[in-house]
Amino acid sequence: MMKTSFLLIVLALAPAFTFASEWNLDLLMHDLAAVRSDHASFVEIKSIAMLDKPVKSSGELYYAAPSHLEKRTLKPRPESLTVDGDNLIIARNGQIHRLQLQKYPEIAAFIDSIRGTLSGDRTALEKNYKTSLEGTPERWTLLLLPTDPRMQKVAKEIRIKGERNALNSIEIIQADGDSSVMTIERLTRP
């Protein structure tokens, strides 16, 4: 009787074990690619060696697949960063700056780490990063390590955490030891 109960428990759990062992980066990318647009709030804490205390900002994020991303900082000062394709528009202090990302490869690599993750574009991620994935579909961590020597001088690693097809946090450890952690809370469900 005891062997039968144990066998039933093992058989009942077998699909969960099989799913967990088969879940991988391709499946995560597929789940993320299914999200065509999203809206979230964020709180970002930047730790900078030159400053006595961390800098905190908050605002909203907007994403529209495959390449539109907006970061609207509301506190402590209004500012917006909008990426659309290869264009970056920065609005701050009443001034607007337009940049073409192809002229700024390090900035483009940072942006592509987030945009590539949101769009589920593994090829875009692996263009600039060595990727590794830990966890389960319910709670995962994607580690991005820069492969380009120029980018390695800027960033040591980017750690993106999430649940299913939603990002919960983005942590950037810079090569100089400074860091930022952005916590993200989805406001709309796709």
N, C-alpha and C. Protein backbone atom coordinates (compact mmCIF):
# COMPACT_ATOMS: atom_id res chain seq x y z
N MET A 1 0.83 -1.20 0.00
CA MET A 1 0.00 0.00 0.00
C MET A 1 0.87 1.26 0.00
N MET A 2 1.93 1.23 0.79
CA MET A 2 2.80 2.40 0.87
C MET A 2 3.49 2.65 -0.47
N LYS A 3 3.93 1.59 -1.15
CA LYS A 3 4.55 1.75 -2.46
C LYS A 3 3.57 2.33 -3.47
N THR A 4 2.32 1.93 -3.39
CA THR A 4 1.30 2.44 -4.30
C THR A 4 1.07 3.92 -4.06
N SER A 5 0.99 4.35 -2.80
CA SER A 5 0.79 5.77 -2.49
C SER A 5 1.97 6.60 -2.98
N PHE A 6 3.17 6.10 -2.77
CA PHE A 6 4.36 6.81 -3.22
C PHE A 6 4.37 6.93 -4.74
N LEU A 7 4.02 5.83 -5.41
CA LEU A 7 3.98 5.83 -6.87
C LEU A 7 2.95 6.82 -7.40
N LEU A 8 1.79 6.91 -6.75
CA LEU A 8 0.76 7.86 -7.15
C LEU A 8 1.23 9.30 -6.98
N ILE A 9 1.92 9.56 -5.89
CA ILE A 9 2.45 10.91 -5.65
C ILE A 9 3.48 11.27 -6.72
N VAL A 10 4.38 10.34 -7.02
CA VAL A 10 5.40 10.59 -8.03
C VAL A 10 4.75 10.83 -9.40
N LEU A 11 3.75 10.01 -9.74
CA LEU A 11 3.08 10.19 -11.02
C LEU A 11 2.32 11.52 -11.08
N ALA A 12 1.74 11.91 -9.96
CA ALA A 12 1.01 13.19 -9.92
C ALA A 12 1.94 14.37 -10.11
N LEU A 13 3.16 14.27 -9.57
CA LEU A 13 4.13 15.37 -9.66
C LEU A 13 4.96 15.33 -10.93
N ALA A 14 4.95 14.22 -11.64
CA ALA A 14 5.80 14.06 -12.83
C ALA A 14 5.61 15.18 -13.85
N PRO A 15 4.37 15.58 -14.18
CA PRO A 15 4.24 16.68 -15.16
C PRO A 15 4.91 17.97 -14.68
N ALA A 16 4.85 18.27 -13.40
CA ALA A 16 5.50 19.49 -12.88
C ALA A 16 7.01 19.39 -13.02
N PHE A 17 7.57 18.22 -12.71
CA PHE A 17 9.01 18.04 -12.84
C PHE A 17 9.44 18.12 -14.30
N THR A 18 8.66 17.53 -15.18
CA THR A 18 8.97 17.55 -16.60
C THR A 18 8.93 18.98 -17.12
N PHE A 19 7.89 19.74 -16.75
CA PHE A 19 7.76 21.11 -17.22
C PHE A 19 8.93 21.96 -16.72
N ALA A 20 9.26 21.80 -15.43
CA ALA A 20 10.35 22.60 -14.85
C ALA A 20 11.67 22.29 -15.55
N SER A 21 11.91 21.02 -15.88
CA SER A 21 13.19 20.67 -16.50
C SER A 21 13.22 21.11 -17.97
N GLU A 22 12.07 21.25 -18.62
CA GLU A 22 12.03 21.65 -20.01
C GLU A 22 11.97 23.17 -20.19
N TRP A 23 11.61 23.91 -19.15
CA TRP A 23 11.50 25.36 -19.27
C TRP A 23 12.89 25.94 -19.49
N ASN A 24 13.01 26.85 -20.46
CA ASN A 24 14.32 27.39 -20.81
C ASN A 24 14.18 28.81 -21.36
N LEU A 25 15.27 29.35 -21.82
CA LEU A 25 15.29 30.73 -22.32
C LEU A 25 14.37 30.91 -23.53
N ASP A 26 14.31 29.93 -24.41
CA ASP A 26 13.42 30.05 -25.57
C ASP A 26 11.97 30.16 -25.14
N LEU A 27 11.56 29.38 -24.15
CA LEU A 27 10.17 29.44 -23.68
C LEU A 27 9.88 30.76 -22.99
N LEU A 28 10.85 31.27 -22.21
CA LEU A 28 10.68 32.59 -21.59
C LEU A 28 10.53 33.66 -22.67
N MET A 29 11.39 33.61 -23.69
CA MET A 29 11.32 34.59 -24.76
C MET A 29 9.96 34.51 -25.48
N HIS A 30 9.45 33.32 -25.67
CA HIS A 30 8.13 33.14 -26.30
C HIS A 30 7.04 33.79 -25.45
N ASP A 31 7.08 33.57 -24.13
CA ASP A 31 6.09 34.17 -23.23
C ASP A 31 6.18 35.70 -23.25
N LEU A 32 7.39 36.22 -23.24
CA LEU A 32 7.57 37.68 -23.25
C LEU A 32 7.12 38.28 -24.58
N ALA A 33 7.39 37.59 -25.68
CA ALA A 33 7.01 38.10 -27.00
C ALA A 33 5.50 38.19 -27.17
N ALA A 34 4.77 37.43 -26.39
CA ALA A 34 3.30 37.45 -26.48
C ALA A 34 2.71 38.77 -25.97
N VAL A 35 3.47 39.51 -25.18
CA VAL A 35 3.00 40.79 -24.65
C VAL A 35 3.25 41.86 -25.72
N ARG A 36 2.20 42.40 -26.27
CA ARG A 36 2.33 43.38 -27.35
C ARG A 36 2.43 44.81 -26.83
N SER A 37 1.90 45.07 -25.65
CA SER A 37 2.05 46.39 -25.03
C SER A 37 1.89 46.23 -23.53
N ASP A 38 2.45 47.18 -22.80
CA ASP A 38 2.40 47.10 -21.35
C ASP A 38 2.57 48.49 -20.75
N HIS A 39 2.13 48.63 -19.53
CA HIS A 39 2.20 49.88 -18.78
C HIS A 39 2.52 49.51 -17.34
N ALA A 40 3.52 50.15 -16.77
CA ALA A 40 3.95 49.80 -15.41
C ALA A 40 4.44 51.05 -14.68
N SER A 41 4.45 50.97 -13.36
CA SER A 41 5.09 52.00 -12.56
C SER A 41 6.47 51.49 -12.17
N PHE A 42 7.37 52.42 -11.85
CA PHE A 42 8.71 52.01 -11.43
C PHE A 42 9.20 52.89 -10.30
N VAL A 43 10.09 52.30 -9.52
CA VAL A 43 10.89 53.03 -8.54
C VAL A 43 12.32 52.59 -8.79
N GLU A 44 13.20 53.57 -8.98
CA GLU A 44 14.59 53.27 -9.27
C GLU A 44 15.48 53.87 -8.20
N ILE A 45 16.41 53.06 -7.71
CA ILE A 45 17.37 53.51 -6.71
C ILE A 45 18.76 53.36 -7.31
N LYS A 46 19.46 54.49 -7.43
CA LYS A 46 20.82 54.48 -7.98
C LYS A 46 21.80 54.72 -6.84
N SER A 47 22.78 53.84 -6.73
CA SER A 47 23.85 53.99 -5.75
C SER A 47 25.10 54.44 -6.51
N ILE A 48 25.53 55.65 -6.19
CA ILE A 48 26.66 56.27 -6.88
C ILE A 48 27.74 56.59 -5.85
N ALA A 49 28.94 56.11 -6.08
CA ALA A 49 30.03 56.25 -5.11
C ALA A 49 30.28 57.70 -4.69
N MET A 50 30.11 58.64 -5.61
CA MET A 50 30.39 60.05 -5.32
C MET A 50 29.35 60.68 -4.40
N LEU A 51 28.21 60.04 -4.21
CA LEU A 51 27.12 60.62 -3.43
C LEU A 51 27.00 59.94 -2.07
N ASP A 52 26.58 60.73 -1.07
CA ASP A 52 26.44 60.22 0.29
C ASP A 52 25.29 59.22 0.43
N LYS A 53 24.23 59.42 -0.33
CA LYS A 53 23.09 58.52 -0.23
C LYS A 53 22.55 58.21 -1.62
N PRO A 54 21.84 57.11 -1.75
CA PRO A 54 21.29 56.73 -3.07
C PRO A 54 20.30 57.76 -3.60
N VAL A 55 20.17 57.80 -4.91
CA VAL A 55 19.24 58.68 -5.60
C VAL A 55 18.00 57.86 -5.96
N LYS A 56 16.83 58.35 -5.56
CA LYS A 56 15.59 57.63 -5.81
C LYS A 56 14.74 58.42 -6.80
N SER A 57 14.20 57.70 -7.78
CA SER A 57 13.27 58.31 -8.73
C SER A 57 12.11 57.35 -8.95
N SER A 58 11.01 57.89 -9.46
CA SER A 58 9.85 57.04 -9.73
C SER A 58 9.07 57.61 -10.89
N GLY A 59 8.25 56.76 -11.49
CA GLY A 59 7.46 57.19 -12.63
C GLY A 59 6.75 56.02 -13.28
N GLU A 60 6.61 56.11 -14.60
CA GLU A 60 5.88 55.10 -15.34
C GLU A 60 6.67 54.64 -16.57
N LEU A 61 6.44 53.41 -16.94
CA LEU A 61 7.04 52.80 -18.12
C LEU A 61 5.94 52.41 -19.10
N TYR A 62 6.20 52.58 -20.38
CA TYR A 62 5.27 52.18 -21.42
C TYR A 62 6.06 51.39 -22.46
N TYR A 63 5.45 50.31 -22.93
CA TYR A 63 6.10 49.49 -23.94
C TYR A 63 5.09 49.12 -25.01
N ALA A 64 5.49 49.21 -26.28
CA ALA A 64 4.69 48.73 -27.40
C ALA A 64 5.64 47.95 -28.31
N ALA A 65 5.31 46.70 -28.53
CA ALA A 65 6.16 45.81 -29.32
C ALA A 65 6.28 46.32 -30.75
N PRO A 66 7.42 46.12 -31.39
CA PRO A 66 8.59 45.46 -30.83
C PRO A 66 9.66 46.42 -30.31
N SER A 67 9.54 47.73 -30.58
CA SER A 67 10.71 48.57 -30.29
C SER A 67 10.40 49.93 -29.66
N HIS A 68 9.19 50.12 -29.15
CA HIS A 68 8.86 51.41 -28.52
C HIS A 68 8.89 51.26 -27.01
N LEU A 69 9.67 52.10 -26.36
CA LEU A 69 9.82 52.06 -24.91
C LEU A 69 9.88 53.48 -24.39
N GLU A 70 9.09 53.76 -23.35
CA GLU A 70 9.12 55.08 -22.73
C GLU A 70 9.34 54.92 -21.23
N LYS A 71 10.18 55.79 -20.71
CA LYS A 71 10.40 55.89 -19.27
C LYS A 71 10.10 57.33 -18.88
N ARG A 72 8.98 57.52 -18.19
CA ARG A 72 8.58 58.86 -17.75
C ARG A 72 8.84 58.98 -16.26
N THR A 73 9.86 59.73 -15.92
CA THR A 73 10.17 59.97 -14.51
C THR A 73 9.29 61.12 -14.04
N LEU A 74 8.61 60.91 -12.93
CA LEU A 74 7.73 61.93 -12.37
C LEU A 74 8.36 62.59 -11.14
N LYS A 75 9.11 61.81 -10.35
CA LYS A 75 9.78 62.33 -9.16
C LYS A 75 11.22 61.88 -9.18
N PRO A 76 12.16 62.66 -8.75
CA PRO A 76 12.02 63.96 -8.11
C PRO A 76 11.78 65.10 -9.10
N ARG A 77 12.15 64.90 -10.39
CA ARG A 77 11.92 65.91 -11.42
C ARG A 77 11.37 65.23 -12.67
N PRO A 78 10.45 65.88 -13.33
CA PRO A 78 9.92 65.29 -14.57
C PRO A 78 11.01 65.17 -15.64
N GLU A 79 11.01 64.02 -16.29
CA GLU A 79 11.95 63.74 -17.37
C GLU A 79 11.37 62.58 -18.16
N SER A 80 11.64 62.55 -19.45
CA SER A 80 11.18 61.39 -20.22
C SER A 80 12.27 60.94 -21.18
N LEU A 81 12.36 59.63 -21.31
CA LEU A 81 13.23 58.98 -22.28
C LEU A 81 12.31 58.15 -23.16
N THR A 82 12.35 58.39 -24.46
CA THR A 82 11.52 57.63 -25.39
C THR A 82 12.42 57.01 -26.44
N VAL A 83 12.29 55.69 -26.58
CA VAL A 83 13.04 54.98 -27.60
C VAL A 83 12.03 54.44 -28.59
N ASP A 84 12.25 54.78 -29.85
CA ASP A 84 11.40 54.28 -30.91
C ASP A 84 12.32 53.86 -32.04
N GLY A 85 12.43 52.56 -32.25
CA GLY A 85 13.37 52.07 -33.25
C GLY A 85 14.78 52.45 -32.87
N ASP A 86 15.47 53.17 -33.74
CA ASP A 86 16.86 53.58 -33.51
C ASP A 86 16.97 54.99 -32.93
N ASN A 87 15.86 55.58 -32.54
CA ASN A 87 15.86 56.96 -32.05
C ASN A 87 15.62 57.03 -30.55
N LEU A 88 16.40 57.85 -29.87
CA LEU A 88 16.23 58.11 -28.45
C LEU A 88 15.93 59.59 -28.29
N ILE A 89 14.83 59.89 -27.63
CA ILE A 89 14.45 61.28 -27.37
C ILE A 89 14.47 61.49 -25.86
N ILE A 90 15.23 62.47 -25.42
CA ILE A 90 15.34 62.79 -24.00
C ILE A 90 14.73 64.18 -23.80
N ALA A 91 13.72 64.25 -22.94
CA ALA A 91 13.08 65.53 -22.61
C ALA A 91 13.34 65.82 -21.14
N ARG A 92 14.04 66.94 -20.89
CA ARG A 92 14.42 67.29 -19.52
C ARG A 92 14.61 68.79 -19.43
N ASN A 93 14.10 69.37 -18.37
CA ASN A 93 14.26 70.82 -18.13
C ASN A 93 13.83 71.66 -19.33
N GLY A 94 12.76 71.28 -19.98
CA GLY A 94 12.24 72.04 -21.10
C GLY A 94 13.04 71.90 -22.38
N GLN A 95 14.04 71.05 -22.39
CA GLN A 95 14.85 70.84 -23.59
C GLN A 95 14.65 69.42 -24.11
N ILE A 96 14.74 69.30 -25.42
CA ILE A 96 14.59 67.99 -26.04
C ILE A 96 15.88 67.67 -26.80
N HIS A 97 16.40 66.48 -26.55
CA HIS A 97 17.62 66.00 -27.22
C HIS A 97 17.26 64.74 -28.00
N ARG A 98 17.70 64.68 -29.24
CA ARG A 98 17.43 63.51 -30.09
C ARG A 98 18.77 62.84 -30.44
N LEU A 99 18.81 61.54 -30.24
CA LEU A 99 20.02 60.78 -30.54
C LEU A 99 19.67 59.59 -31.42
N GLN A 100 20.56 59.25 -32.32
CA GLN A 100 20.42 58.01 -33.09
C GLN A 100 21.29 56.98 -32.39
N LEU A 101 20.66 55.89 -31.97
CA LEU A 101 21.35 54.89 -31.16
C LEU A 101 22.55 54.27 -31.86
N GLN A 102 22.51 54.19 -33.17
CA GLN A 102 23.64 53.59 -33.88
C GLN A 102 24.94 54.37 -33.65
N LYS A 103 24.83 55.63 -33.28
CA LYS A 103 26.02 56.45 -33.00
C LYS A 103 26.52 56.28 -31.57
N TYR A 104 25.72 55.61 -30.72
CA TYR A 104 26.05 55.43 -29.30
C TYR A 104 25.87 53.96 -28.93
N PRO A 105 26.81 53.10 -29.33
CA PRO A 105 26.62 51.66 -29.15
C PRO A 105 26.44 51.21 -27.70
N GLU A 106 27.10 51.89 -26.75
CA GLU A 106 26.95 51.50 -25.35
C GLU A 106 25.53 51.78 -24.85
N ILE A 107 24.98 52.94 -25.22
CA ILE A 107 23.60 53.27 -24.84
C ILE A 107 22.64 52.29 -25.52
N ALA A 108 22.89 52.00 -26.79
CA ALA A 108 22.03 51.06 -27.52
C ALA A 108 22.04 49.69 -26.87
N ALA A 109 23.21 49.25 -26.39
CA ALA A 109 23.30 47.93 -25.75
C ALA A 109 22.48 47.90 -24.46
N PHE A 110 22.55 48.97 -23.66
CA PHE A 110 21.72 49.05 -22.45
C PHE A 110 20.24 48.97 -22.81
N ILE A 111 19.84 49.77 -23.77
CA ILE A 111 18.43 49.81 -24.16
C ILE A 111 18.00 48.46 -24.71
N ASP A 112 18.86 47.84 -25.52
CA ASP A 112 18.51 46.54 -26.09
C ASP A 112 18.41 45.45 -25.05
N SER A 113 19.08 45.61 -23.91
CA SER A 113 18.94 44.60 -22.85
C SER A 113 17.51 44.59 -22.33
N ILE A 114 16.91 45.75 -22.23
CA ILE A 114 15.52 45.85 -21.74
C ILE A 114 14.55 45.57 -22.88
N ARG A 115 14.75 46.24 -23.99
CA ARG A 115 13.84 46.08 -25.12
C ARG A 115 13.88 44.65 -25.66
N GLY A 116 15.06 44.07 -25.74
CA GLY A 116 15.19 42.69 -26.21
C GLY A 116 14.49 41.72 -25.29
N THR A 117 14.58 41.97 -23.98
CA THR A 117 13.88 41.12 -23.02
C THR A 117 12.37 41.29 -23.16
N LEU A 118 11.90 42.54 -23.17
CA LEU A 118 10.47 42.78 -23.29
C LEU A 118 9.87 42.18 -24.56
N SER A 119 10.60 42.27 -25.65
CA SER A 119 10.07 41.78 -26.92
C SER A 119 10.32 40.28 -27.13
N GLY A 120 11.05 39.67 -26.18
CA GLY A 120 11.35 38.25 -26.32
C GLY A 120 12.29 37.96 -27.47
N ASP A 121 13.22 38.89 -27.72
CA ASP A 121 14.14 38.77 -28.85
C ASP A 121 15.50 38.27 -28.37
N ARG A 122 15.64 36.96 -28.33
CA ARG A 122 16.87 36.34 -27.86
C ARG A 122 18.07 36.75 -28.72
N THR A 123 17.86 36.85 -30.03
CA THR A 123 18.95 37.23 -30.93
C THR A 123 19.49 38.61 -30.58
N ALA A 124 18.59 39.55 -30.30
CA ALA A 124 19.02 40.91 -29.93
C ALA A 124 19.81 40.88 -28.62
N LEU A 125 19.36 40.08 -27.66
CA LEU A 125 20.09 39.98 -26.39
C LEU A 125 21.48 39.39 -26.59
N GLU A 126 21.55 38.31 -27.37
CA GLU A 126 22.82 37.60 -27.53
C GLU A 126 23.78 38.32 -28.47
N LYS A 127 23.32 39.40 -29.09
CA LYS A 127 24.21 40.23 -29.91
C LYS A 127 25.23 40.95 -29.01
N ASN A 128 24.80 41.31 -27.78
CA ASN A 128 25.66 42.08 -26.89
C ASN A 128 25.95 41.41 -25.55
N TYR A 129 25.25 40.30 -25.26
CA TYR A 129 25.35 39.70 -23.93
C TYR A 129 25.45 38.19 -23.98
N LYS A 130 26.15 37.65 -23.00
CA LYS A 130 26.08 36.22 -22.70
C LYS A 130 24.88 36.09 -21.77
N THR A 131 23.96 35.19 -22.07
CA THR A 131 22.74 35.07 -21.28
C THR A 131 22.74 33.79 -20.46
N SER A 132 22.12 33.87 -19.29
CA SER A 132 21.84 32.66 -18.51
C SER A 132 20.53 32.90 -17.76
N LEU A 133 19.79 31.82 -17.59
CA LEU A 133 18.47 31.89 -16.98
C LEU A 133 18.40 30.92 -15.82
N GLU A 134 17.85 31.41 -14.71
CA GLU A 134 17.63 30.57 -13.53
C GLU A 134 16.17 30.70 -13.12
N GLY A 135 15.67 29.68 -12.44
CA GLY A 135 14.34 29.75 -11.86
C GLY A 135 13.30 28.96 -12.61
N THR A 136 12.07 29.37 -12.43
CA THR A 136 10.91 28.72 -13.01
C THR A 136 10.09 29.77 -13.73
N PRO A 137 9.07 29.36 -14.48
CA PRO A 137 8.23 30.38 -15.14
C PRO A 137 7.58 31.34 -14.14
N GLU A 138 7.33 30.87 -12.93
CA GLU A 138 6.69 31.71 -11.92
C GLU A 138 7.65 32.72 -11.28
N ARG A 139 8.94 32.43 -11.31
CA ARG A 139 9.93 33.32 -10.69
C ARG A 139 11.28 33.05 -11.34
N TRP A 140 11.70 33.95 -12.22
CA TRP A 140 12.92 33.72 -12.98
C TRP A 140 13.89 34.90 -12.87
N THR A 141 15.15 34.62 -13.17
CA THR A 141 16.19 35.64 -13.22
C THR A 141 16.99 35.43 -14.50
N LEU A 142 17.07 36.48 -15.29
CA LEU A 142 17.85 36.47 -16.52
C LEU A 142 19.10 37.30 -16.26
N LEU A 143 20.25 36.68 -16.41
CA LEU A 143 21.53 37.36 -16.20
C LEU A 143 22.13 37.67 -17.56
N LEU A 144 22.50 38.93 -17.75
CA LEU A 144 23.13 39.38 -19.00
C LEU A 144 24.53 39.88 -18.67
N LEU A 145 25.52 39.26 -19.29
CA LEU A 145 26.92 39.67 -19.12
C LEU A 145 27.41 40.23 -20.44
N PRO A 146 27.88 41.48 -20.46
CA PRO A 146 28.34 42.08 -21.71
C PRO A 146 29.47 41.28 -22.35
N THR A 147 29.43 41.15 -23.67
CA THR A 147 30.48 40.44 -24.40
C THR A 147 31.43 41.40 -25.11
N ASP A 148 30.96 42.60 -25.43
CA ASP A 148 31.78 43.59 -26.12
C ASP A 148 32.71 44.27 -25.12
N PRO A 149 34.02 44.35 -25.41
CA PRO A 149 34.95 44.98 -24.47
C PRO A 149 34.59 46.42 -24.11
N ARG A 150 34.04 47.18 -25.07
CA ARG A 150 33.63 48.56 -24.77
C ARG A 150 32.50 48.57 -23.75
N MET A 151 31.56 47.67 -23.91
CA MET A 151 30.43 47.59 -22.98
C MET A 151 30.88 47.08 -21.61
N GLN A 152 31.88 46.19 -21.58
CA GLN A 152 32.41 45.67 -20.32
C GLN A 152 33.04 46.77 -19.48
N LYS A 153 33.51 47.84 -20.13
CA LYS A 153 34.06 48.97 -19.40
C LYS A 153 32.97 49.80 -18.73
N VAL A 154 31.73 49.62 -19.18
CA VAL A 154 30.59 50.36 -18.64
C VAL A 154 29.80 49.53 -17.65
N ALA A 155 29.47 48.30 -18.04
CA ALA A 155 28.59 47.46 -17.21
C ALA A 155 29.23 46.11 -16.93
N LYS A 156 29.10 45.69 -15.69
CA LYS A 156 29.58 44.37 -15.30
C LYS A 156 28.51 43.32 -15.57
N GLU A 157 27.26 43.63 -15.18
CA GLU A 157 26.16 42.70 -15.40
C GLU A 157 24.82 43.40 -15.31
N ILE A 158 23.83 42.80 -15.94
CA ILE A 158 22.45 43.25 -15.85
C ILE A 158 21.65 42.03 -15.42
N ARG A 159 20.89 42.18 -14.36
CA ARG A 159 20.09 41.09 -13.81
C ARG A 159 18.62 41.51 -13.89
N ILE A 160 17.85 40.76 -14.68
CA ILE A 160 16.44 41.06 -14.87
C ILE A 160 15.63 39.94 -14.22
N LYS A 161 14.71 40.32 -13.34
CA LYS A 161 13.88 39.33 -12.65
C LYS A 161 12.43 39.52 -13.06
N GLY A 162 11.70 38.40 -13.05
CA GLY A 162 10.31 38.49 -13.42
C GLY A 162 9.49 37.29 -13.01
N GLU A 163 8.22 37.39 -13.33
CA GLU A 163 7.26 36.31 -13.12
C GLU A 163 6.49 36.15 -14.41
N ARG A 164 6.50 34.92 -14.93
CA ARG A 164 5.83 34.62 -16.21
C ARG A 164 6.28 35.61 -17.28
N ASN A 165 5.36 36.43 -17.82
CA ASN A 165 5.72 37.35 -18.90
C ASN A 165 5.83 38.80 -18.43
N ALA A 166 6.13 38.99 -17.16
CA ALA A 166 6.24 40.35 -16.61
C ALA A 166 7.60 40.54 -15.93
N LEU A 167 8.22 41.68 -16.18
CA LEU A 167 9.47 42.02 -15.51
C LEU A 167 9.13 42.64 -14.15
N ASN A 168 9.87 42.24 -13.12
CA ASN A 168 9.68 42.79 -11.77
C ASN A 168 10.80 43.73 -11.36
N SER A 169 12.00 43.48 -11.88
CA SER A 169 13.12 44.36 -11.52
C SER A 169 14.23 44.25 -12.54
N ILE A 170 14.99 45.34 -12.62
CA ILE A 170 16.17 45.39 -13.47
C ILE A 170 17.29 45.96 -12.61
N GLU A 171 18.33 45.18 -12.43
CA GLU A 171 19.48 45.61 -11.64
C GLU A 171 20.69 45.71 -12.57
N ILE A 172 21.35 46.86 -12.53
CA ILE A 172 22.53 47.08 -13.35
C ILE A 172 23.71 47.34 -12.42
N ILE A 173 24.73 46.50 -12.55
CA ILE A 173 25.98 46.70 -11.82
C ILE A 173 26.98 47.24 -12.82
N GLN A 174 27.42 48.46 -12.61
CA GLN A 174 28.36 49.09 -13.53
C GLN A 174 29.77 48.61 -13.23
N ALA A 175 30.64 48.77 -14.19
CA ALA A 175 32.03 48.35 -14.05
C ALA A 175 32.75 49.14 -12.95
N ASP A 176 32.32 50.38 -12.70
CA ASP A 176 32.96 51.20 -11.68
C ASP A 176 32.39 50.95 -10.28
N GLY A 177 31.45 50.01 -10.15
CA GLY A 177 30.87 49.69 -8.85
C GLY A 177 29.55 50.39 -8.55
N ASP A 178 29.22 51.44 -9.29
CA ASP A 178 27.91 52.07 -9.12
C ASP A 178 26.84 51.08 -9.57
N SER A 179 25.62 51.28 -9.08
CA SER A 179 24.56 50.35 -9.45
C SER A 179 23.21 51.04 -9.43
N SER A 180 22.24 50.38 -10.07
CA SER A 180 20.87 50.85 -10.00
C SER A 180 19.95 49.63 -9.95
N VAL A 181 18.87 49.79 -9.20
CA VAL A 181 17.85 48.75 -9.13
C VAL A 181 16.52 49.43 -9.40
N MET A 182 15.84 48.95 -10.44
CA MET A 182 14.52 49.46 -10.78
C MET A 182 13.51 48.36 -10.47
N THR A 183 12.58 48.66 -9.55
CA THR A 183 11.49 47.72 -9.29
C THR A 183 10.30 48.17 -10.14
N ILE A 184 9.62 47.19 -10.69
CA ILE A 184 8.57 47.44 -11.67
C ILE A 184 7.28 46.77 -11.23
N GLU A 185 6.19 47.50 -11.32
CA GLU A 185 4.87 46.93 -11.00
C GLU A 185 3.93 47.20 -12.16
N ARG A 186 3.49 46.12 -12.75
CA ARG A 186 2.60 46.22 -13.93
C ARG A 186 1.29 46.88 -13.54
N LEU A 187 0.86 47.86 -14.36
CA LEU A 187 -0.39 48.58 -14.11
C LEU A 187 -1.53 48.06 -14.98
N THR A 188 -1.22 47.51 -16.13
CA THR A 188 -2.24 46.93 -16.99
C THR A 188 -1.84 45.51 -17.33
N ARG A 189 -2.81 44.70 -17.57
CA ARG A 189 -2.55 43.31 -17.96
C ARG A 189 -2.82 43.15 -19.44
N PRO A 190 -1.88 42.51 -20.16
CA PRO A 190 -2.09 42.30 -21.59
C PRO A 190 -3.18 41.28 -21.84
